Amino acid sequence: MNCSNVVVTPDVSNFIGYGLSNVTIDSSYNGRMMNATQNVVAETKTSSFTIDPSVDIYYIDTTGGNIEITLLSPSDYQNQRYSFKRLTGGANTIKFMGVVDGVTNDATILTTQYSRISLHSFNGTYNKVS
């Protein structure tokens, strides 16, 4: 929406873009949402994954089972902020693989439907910031 000079290749699916200009969208953007004015990239995840430093927001659906989120080295990715929102309820868990606020492999952060958290990498560690 409200985009100019944007090329979308035929292999793209499930992509939403707002306010983009002078960009080519290929299959690497599948399943993402981008807002150029805020420079935000979001993805929905339904299985375990490793953080992608180009993605800002993760919507997590645990319908298919437990999900493990592998965090990148906070020393290698200083001053990054990642946000997560659990879309589903139920017994399936979301576990952060790494250290968050001094806790290793924490499965107690996103326990209920619509719970959310942002993590910030700073001084070699991940901190909960919301």
N, C-alpha and C. Protein backbone atom coordinates (compact mmCIF):
# COMPACT_ATOMS: atom_id res chain seq x y z
N MET A 1 0.84 -1.18 0.00
CA MET A 1 0.00 0.00 0.00
C MET A 1 0.89 1.24 0.00
N ASN A 2 0.45 2.27 -0.70
CA ASN A 2 1.18 3.54 -0.76
C ASN A 2 2.65 3.34 -1.06
N CYS A 3 2.94 2.50 -2.05
CA CYS A 3 4.32 2.22 -2.42
C CYS A 3 4.64 2.84 -3.77
N SER A 4 5.92 3.14 -4.01
CA SER A 4 6.32 3.66 -5.30
C SER A 4 7.60 2.98 -5.76
N ASN A 5 7.65 2.69 -7.06
CA ASN A 5 8.82 2.09 -7.67
C ASN A 5 9.23 0.79 -6.95
N VAL A 6 8.24 -0.08 -6.69
CA VAL A 6 8.49 -1.36 -6.03
C VAL A 6 8.28 -2.48 -7.05
N VAL A 7 9.25 -3.37 -7.15
CA VAL A 7 9.16 -4.52 -8.04
C VAL A 7 8.96 -5.76 -7.18
N VAL A 8 7.93 -6.54 -7.50
CA VAL A 8 7.65 -7.78 -6.77
C VAL A 8 7.84 -8.94 -7.74
N THR A 9 8.75 -9.85 -7.41
CA THR A 9 9.01 -10.99 -8.28
C THR A 9 7.87 -11.99 -8.17
N PRO A 10 7.65 -12.82 -9.19
CA PRO A 10 6.50 -13.74 -9.21
C PRO A 10 6.50 -14.80 -8.10
N ASP A 11 7.64 -15.07 -7.48
CA ASP A 11 7.71 -16.13 -6.47
C ASP A 11 7.37 -15.64 -5.06
N VAL A 12 6.89 -14.41 -4.92
CA VAL A 12 6.58 -13.85 -3.61
C VAL A 12 5.18 -14.27 -3.18
N SER A 13 5.05 -14.65 -1.88
CA SER A 13 3.74 -14.98 -1.33
C SER A 13 3.66 -14.47 0.10
N ASN A 14 2.46 -14.14 0.53
CA ASN A 14 2.19 -13.70 1.90
C ASN A 14 3.08 -12.55 2.35
N PHE A 15 3.20 -11.53 1.52
CA PHE A 15 3.99 -10.35 1.85
C PHE A 15 3.07 -9.13 1.89
N ILE A 16 3.26 -8.28 2.90
CA ILE A 16 2.52 -7.02 2.99
C ILE A 16 3.54 -5.91 3.16
N GLY A 17 3.44 -4.88 2.35
CA GLY A 17 4.35 -3.74 2.45
C GLY A 17 3.59 -2.43 2.47
N TYR A 18 4.07 -1.51 3.29
CA TYR A 18 3.47 -0.19 3.42
C TYR A 18 4.54 0.89 3.21
N GLY A 19 4.27 1.85 2.36
CA GLY A 19 5.14 3.00 2.22
C GLY A 19 6.52 2.69 1.67
N LEU A 20 6.67 1.60 0.93
CA LEU A 20 7.98 1.23 0.41
C LEU A 20 8.28 2.01 -0.86
N SER A 21 9.57 2.23 -1.12
CA SER A 21 9.95 2.86 -2.37
C SER A 21 11.32 2.35 -2.80
N ASN A 22 11.48 2.25 -4.11
CA ASN A 22 12.76 1.87 -4.72
C ASN A 22 13.33 0.58 -4.15
N VAL A 23 12.53 -0.48 -4.15
CA VAL A 23 12.97 -1.75 -3.61
C VAL A 23 12.43 -2.89 -4.48
N THR A 24 13.18 -4.00 -4.51
CA THR A 24 12.72 -5.22 -5.16
C THR A 24 12.39 -6.23 -4.08
N ILE A 25 11.19 -6.78 -4.14
CA ILE A 25 10.73 -7.77 -3.17
C ILE A 25 10.81 -9.13 -3.83
N ASP A 26 11.64 -10.03 -3.26
CA ASP A 26 11.75 -11.38 -3.79
C ASP A 26 11.29 -12.39 -2.74
N SER A 27 11.50 -13.67 -3.01
CA SER A 27 10.97 -14.71 -2.11
C SER A 27 11.58 -14.68 -0.72
N SER A 28 12.69 -13.99 -0.52
CA SER A 28 13.26 -13.89 0.84
C SER A 28 12.35 -13.08 1.76
N TYR A 29 11.39 -12.37 1.19
CA TYR A 29 10.43 -11.58 1.98
C TYR A 29 9.12 -12.34 2.23
N ASN A 30 9.01 -13.58 1.77
CA ASN A 30 7.78 -14.35 1.95
C ASN A 30 7.40 -14.42 3.43
N GLY A 31 6.12 -14.20 3.71
CA GLY A 31 5.61 -14.29 5.08
C GLY A 31 5.97 -13.10 5.95
N ARG A 32 6.45 -12.02 5.37
CA ARG A 32 6.87 -10.86 6.15
C ARG A 32 5.96 -9.66 5.92
N MET A 33 6.05 -8.74 6.84
CA MET A 33 5.37 -7.46 6.71
C MET A 33 6.44 -6.38 6.90
N MET A 34 6.45 -5.38 6.02
CA MET A 34 7.42 -4.29 6.13
C MET A 34 6.70 -2.96 6.10
N ASN A 35 7.14 -2.06 6.95
CA ASN A 35 6.64 -0.70 6.98
C ASN A 35 7.85 0.21 6.85
N ALA A 36 8.02 0.83 5.70
CA ALA A 36 9.22 1.61 5.44
C ALA A 36 9.34 2.83 6.35
N THR A 37 8.23 3.40 6.75
CA THR A 37 8.32 4.60 7.58
C THR A 37 8.84 4.28 8.97
N GLN A 38 8.58 3.08 9.45
CA GLN A 38 9.08 2.67 10.75
C GLN A 38 10.23 1.68 10.62
N ASN A 39 10.48 1.23 9.38
CA ASN A 39 11.55 0.28 9.11
C ASN A 39 11.40 -0.99 9.95
N VAL A 40 10.18 -1.52 10.01
CA VAL A 40 9.87 -2.69 10.83
C VAL A 40 9.60 -3.90 9.93
N VAL A 41 10.20 -5.02 10.30
CA VAL A 41 9.95 -6.28 9.61
C VAL A 41 9.36 -7.26 10.63
N ALA A 42 8.26 -7.92 10.27
CA ALA A 42 7.60 -8.87 11.17
C ALA A 42 7.42 -10.21 10.47
N GLU A 43 7.47 -11.29 11.26
CA GLU A 43 7.23 -12.63 10.75
C GLU A 43 6.37 -13.41 11.73
N THR A 44 5.58 -14.34 11.19
CA THR A 44 4.85 -15.29 12.02
C THR A 44 5.60 -16.61 11.98
N LYS A 45 5.80 -17.22 13.15
CA LYS A 45 6.53 -18.49 13.25
C LYS A 45 5.62 -19.55 13.85
N THR A 46 5.70 -20.76 13.28
CA THR A 46 4.90 -21.89 13.76
C THR A 46 5.76 -23.08 14.18
N SER A 47 7.09 -22.91 14.13
CA SER A 47 8.01 -23.96 14.55
C SER A 47 9.29 -23.30 15.08
N SER A 48 10.17 -24.10 15.65
CA SER A 48 11.40 -23.57 16.24
C SER A 48 12.22 -22.82 15.20
N PHE A 49 12.95 -21.80 15.66
CA PHE A 49 13.72 -20.97 14.73
C PHE A 49 14.87 -20.28 15.46
N THR A 50 15.80 -19.77 14.67
CA THR A 50 16.89 -18.92 15.16
C THR A 50 16.57 -17.50 14.76
N ILE A 51 16.82 -16.57 15.66
CA ILE A 51 16.56 -15.16 15.39
C ILE A 51 17.24 -14.73 14.10
N ASP A 52 16.53 -13.97 13.30
CA ASP A 52 17.07 -13.34 12.09
C ASP A 52 17.29 -11.87 12.44
N PRO A 53 18.51 -11.37 12.38
CA PRO A 53 18.77 -9.99 12.80
C PRO A 53 18.03 -8.94 11.96
N SER A 54 17.49 -9.34 10.81
CA SER A 54 16.75 -8.37 9.99
C SER A 54 15.26 -8.31 10.37
N VAL A 55 14.83 -9.16 11.29
CA VAL A 55 13.42 -9.20 11.70
C VAL A 55 13.29 -8.55 13.08
N ASP A 56 12.30 -7.67 13.22
CA ASP A 56 12.10 -6.94 14.47
C ASP A 56 11.04 -7.57 15.37
N ILE A 57 9.98 -8.10 14.76
CA ILE A 57 8.82 -8.59 15.51
C ILE A 57 8.49 -10.01 15.07
N TYR A 58 8.29 -10.88 16.06
CA TYR A 58 7.88 -12.26 15.79
C TYR A 58 6.52 -12.52 16.43
N TYR A 59 5.58 -13.01 15.62
CA TYR A 59 4.29 -13.49 16.12
C TYR A 59 4.40 -15.01 16.15
N ILE A 60 4.12 -15.61 17.31
CA ILE A 60 4.40 -17.02 17.49
C ILE A 60 3.11 -17.81 17.71
N ASP A 61 2.92 -18.82 16.86
CA ASP A 61 1.75 -19.69 16.91
C ASP A 61 2.20 -21.08 17.35
N THR A 62 1.79 -21.50 18.54
CA THR A 62 2.21 -22.79 19.11
C THR A 62 1.22 -23.92 18.85
N THR A 63 0.28 -23.71 17.94
CA THR A 63 -0.73 -24.73 17.67
C THR A 63 -0.10 -26.07 17.33
N GLY A 64 0.98 -26.06 16.57
CA GLY A 64 1.62 -27.29 16.10
C GLY A 64 2.58 -27.93 17.07
N GLY A 65 2.86 -27.30 18.21
CA GLY A 65 3.78 -27.89 19.18
C GLY A 65 4.65 -26.86 19.87
N ASN A 66 5.54 -27.36 20.70
CA ASN A 66 6.47 -26.49 21.42
C ASN A 66 7.40 -25.79 20.45
N ILE A 67 7.83 -24.58 20.80
CA ILE A 67 8.73 -23.80 19.94
C ILE A 67 9.93 -23.34 20.75
N GLU A 68 11.12 -23.56 20.17
CA GLU A 68 12.35 -23.05 20.76
C GLU A 68 12.86 -21.91 19.88
N ILE A 69 13.20 -20.79 20.53
CA ILE A 69 13.74 -19.62 19.85
C ILE A 69 15.22 -19.53 20.22
N THR A 70 16.08 -19.74 19.25
CA THR A 70 17.52 -19.67 19.51
C THR A 70 17.98 -18.23 19.33
N LEU A 71 18.52 -17.67 20.42
CA LEU A 71 18.99 -16.29 20.39
C LEU A 71 20.40 -16.23 19.81
N LEU A 72 20.67 -15.17 19.07
CA LEU A 72 22.01 -14.93 18.55
C LEU A 72 22.91 -14.44 19.68
N SER A 73 24.20 -14.51 19.49
CA SER A 73 25.13 -14.02 20.50
C SER A 73 24.90 -12.53 20.72
N PRO A 74 24.55 -12.11 21.94
CA PRO A 74 24.31 -10.69 22.17
C PRO A 74 25.58 -9.86 22.00
N SER A 75 26.73 -10.46 22.13
CA SER A 75 27.99 -9.74 21.90
C SER A 75 28.20 -9.44 20.42
N ASP A 76 27.74 -10.35 19.57
CA ASP A 76 27.87 -10.16 18.12
C ASP A 76 26.80 -9.24 17.55
N TYR A 77 25.68 -9.12 18.22
CA TYR A 77 24.55 -8.30 17.75
C TYR A 77 24.17 -7.31 18.84
N GLN A 78 25.07 -6.40 19.14
CA GLN A 78 24.86 -5.39 20.18
C GLN A 78 23.74 -4.42 19.81
N ASN A 79 23.00 -4.01 20.82
CA ASN A 79 21.99 -2.96 20.70
C ASN A 79 20.87 -3.32 19.71
N GLN A 80 20.50 -4.59 19.69
CA GLN A 80 19.38 -5.04 18.87
C GLN A 80 18.16 -5.25 19.76
N ARG A 81 16.99 -4.98 19.21
CA ARG A 81 15.75 -5.19 19.95
C ARG A 81 14.85 -6.11 19.14
N TYR A 82 14.37 -7.16 19.78
CA TYR A 82 13.47 -8.12 19.15
C TYR A 82 12.21 -8.22 20.01
N SER A 83 11.05 -8.20 19.36
CA SER A 83 9.78 -8.30 20.07
C SER A 83 9.08 -9.59 19.69
N PHE A 84 8.39 -10.18 20.66
CA PHE A 84 7.71 -11.45 20.48
C PHE A 84 6.30 -11.37 21.06
N LYS A 85 5.34 -11.95 20.34
CA LYS A 85 3.97 -12.02 20.85
C LYS A 85 3.44 -13.43 20.60
N ARG A 86 2.91 -14.03 21.64
CA ARG A 86 2.31 -15.37 21.53
C ARG A 86 0.88 -15.21 21.05
N LEU A 87 0.54 -15.86 19.96
CA LEU A 87 -0.80 -15.75 19.38
C LEU A 87 -1.78 -16.77 19.92
N THR A 88 -1.27 -17.86 20.49
CA THR A 88 -2.12 -18.99 20.88
C THR A 88 -1.99 -19.32 22.36
N GLY A 89 -3.01 -19.96 22.89
CA GLY A 89 -2.96 -20.46 24.26
C GLY A 89 -2.59 -21.93 24.23
N GLY A 90 -2.91 -22.64 25.30
CA GLY A 90 -2.67 -24.07 25.33
C GLY A 90 -1.41 -24.45 26.07
N ALA A 91 -1.15 -25.75 26.09
CA ALA A 91 -0.05 -26.30 26.89
C ALA A 91 1.31 -26.21 26.19
N ASN A 92 1.34 -26.03 24.87
CA ASN A 92 2.63 -25.98 24.18
C ASN A 92 3.43 -24.77 24.65
N THR A 93 4.75 -24.96 24.73
CA THR A 93 5.62 -23.94 25.31
C THR A 93 6.44 -23.20 24.27
N ILE A 94 6.93 -22.04 24.69
CA ILE A 94 7.91 -21.27 23.93
C ILE A 94 9.12 -21.13 24.84
N LYS A 95 10.27 -21.60 24.35
CA LYS A 95 11.49 -21.54 25.16
C LYS A 95 12.54 -20.70 24.43
N PHE A 96 13.12 -19.74 25.17
CA PHE A 96 14.20 -18.94 24.64
C PHE A 96 15.51 -19.65 24.92
N MET A 97 16.22 -20.07 23.87
CA MET A 97 17.48 -20.79 23.98
C MET A 97 18.61 -19.78 24.03
N GLY A 98 19.14 -19.58 25.20
CA GLY A 98 20.16 -18.59 25.44
C GLY A 98 19.94 -18.03 26.84
N VAL A 99 20.57 -16.93 27.16
CA VAL A 99 20.45 -16.33 28.48
C VAL A 99 19.69 -15.01 28.37
N VAL A 100 18.59 -14.91 29.13
CA VAL A 100 17.78 -13.69 29.20
C VAL A 100 17.69 -13.29 30.67
N ASP A 101 18.16 -12.11 30.98
CA ASP A 101 18.17 -11.62 32.36
C ASP A 101 18.76 -12.64 33.33
N GLY A 102 19.83 -13.31 32.90
CA GLY A 102 20.53 -14.25 33.77
C GLY A 102 19.94 -15.65 33.83
N VAL A 103 18.83 -15.89 33.14
CA VAL A 103 18.19 -17.22 33.15
C VAL A 103 18.48 -17.92 31.82
N THR A 104 19.01 -19.14 31.90
CA THR A 104 19.35 -19.91 30.71
C THR A 104 18.18 -20.76 30.26
N ASN A 105 17.91 -20.73 28.94
CA ASN A 105 16.86 -21.54 28.31
C ASN A 105 15.51 -21.39 29.03
N ASP A 106 15.04 -20.18 29.07
CA ASP A 106 13.83 -19.82 29.83
C ASP A 106 12.55 -20.13 29.06
N ALA A 107 11.67 -20.92 29.68
CA ALA A 107 10.37 -21.24 29.09
C ALA A 107 9.24 -20.56 29.85
N THR A 108 9.55 -19.56 30.68
CA THR A 108 8.52 -18.93 31.51
C THR A 108 8.18 -17.51 31.05
N ILE A 109 8.67 -17.09 29.89
CA ILE A 109 8.47 -15.71 29.46
C ILE A 109 7.12 -15.52 28.76
N LEU A 110 6.82 -16.37 27.78
CA LEU A 110 5.56 -16.25 27.02
C LEU A 110 4.69 -17.46 27.30
N THR A 111 3.92 -17.41 28.37
CA THR A 111 3.18 -18.59 28.81
C THR A 111 1.69 -18.54 28.49
N THR A 112 1.16 -17.37 28.22
CA THR A 112 -0.28 -17.25 27.97
C THR A 112 -0.55 -16.59 26.62
N GLN A 113 -1.73 -16.85 26.10
CA GLN A 113 -2.13 -16.25 24.83
C GLN A 113 -2.05 -14.74 24.93
N TYR A 114 -1.51 -14.12 23.90
CA TYR A 114 -1.33 -12.67 23.74
C TYR A 114 -0.26 -12.09 24.65
N SER A 115 0.48 -12.92 25.39
CA SER A 115 1.60 -12.36 26.17
C SER A 115 2.67 -11.90 25.19
N ARG A 116 3.43 -10.89 25.62
CA ARG A 116 4.44 -10.32 24.73
C ARG A 116 5.65 -9.86 25.54
N ILE A 117 6.78 -9.77 24.83
CA ILE A 117 8.03 -9.35 25.47
C ILE A 117 8.94 -8.77 24.39
N SER A 118 9.73 -7.81 24.77
CA SER A 118 10.81 -7.32 23.92
C SER A 118 12.12 -7.59 24.62
N LEU A 119 13.09 -8.03 23.86
CA LEU A 119 14.43 -8.29 24.38
C LEU A 119 15.41 -7.34 23.71
N HIS A 120 16.35 -6.83 24.49
CA HIS A 120 17.35 -5.91 23.98
C HIS A 120 18.73 -6.48 24.30
N SER A 121 19.60 -6.54 23.28
CA SER A 121 20.97 -7.02 23.50
C SER A 121 21.85 -5.82 23.84
N PHE A 122 22.49 -5.91 25.02
CA PHE A 122 23.30 -4.79 25.50
C PHE A 122 24.38 -5.31 26.43
N ASN A 123 25.58 -4.86 26.24
CA ASN A 123 26.72 -5.27 27.07
C ASN A 123 26.86 -6.79 27.17
N GLY A 124 26.67 -7.48 26.06
CA GLY A 124 26.89 -8.92 26.03
C GLY A 124 25.80 -9.77 26.64
N THR A 125 24.61 -9.19 26.85
CA THR A 125 23.52 -9.96 27.45
C THR A 125 22.18 -9.52 26.85
N TYR A 126 21.17 -10.37 26.98
CA TYR A 126 19.80 -10.00 26.59
C TYR A 126 19.04 -9.58 27.84
N ASN A 127 18.32 -8.48 27.71
CA ASN A 127 17.53 -7.95 28.81
C ASN A 127 16.07 -7.83 28.38
N LYS A 128 15.16 -8.15 29.29
CA LYS A 128 13.74 -7.91 29.06
C LYS A 128 13.51 -6.40 29.21
N VAL A 129 12.88 -5.80 28.21
CA VAL A 129 12.66 -4.36 28.27
C VAL A 129 11.18 -4.00 28.24
N SER A 130 10.31 -4.98 28.10
CA SER A 130 8.86 -4.72 28.20
C SER A 130 8.14 -6.02 28.41
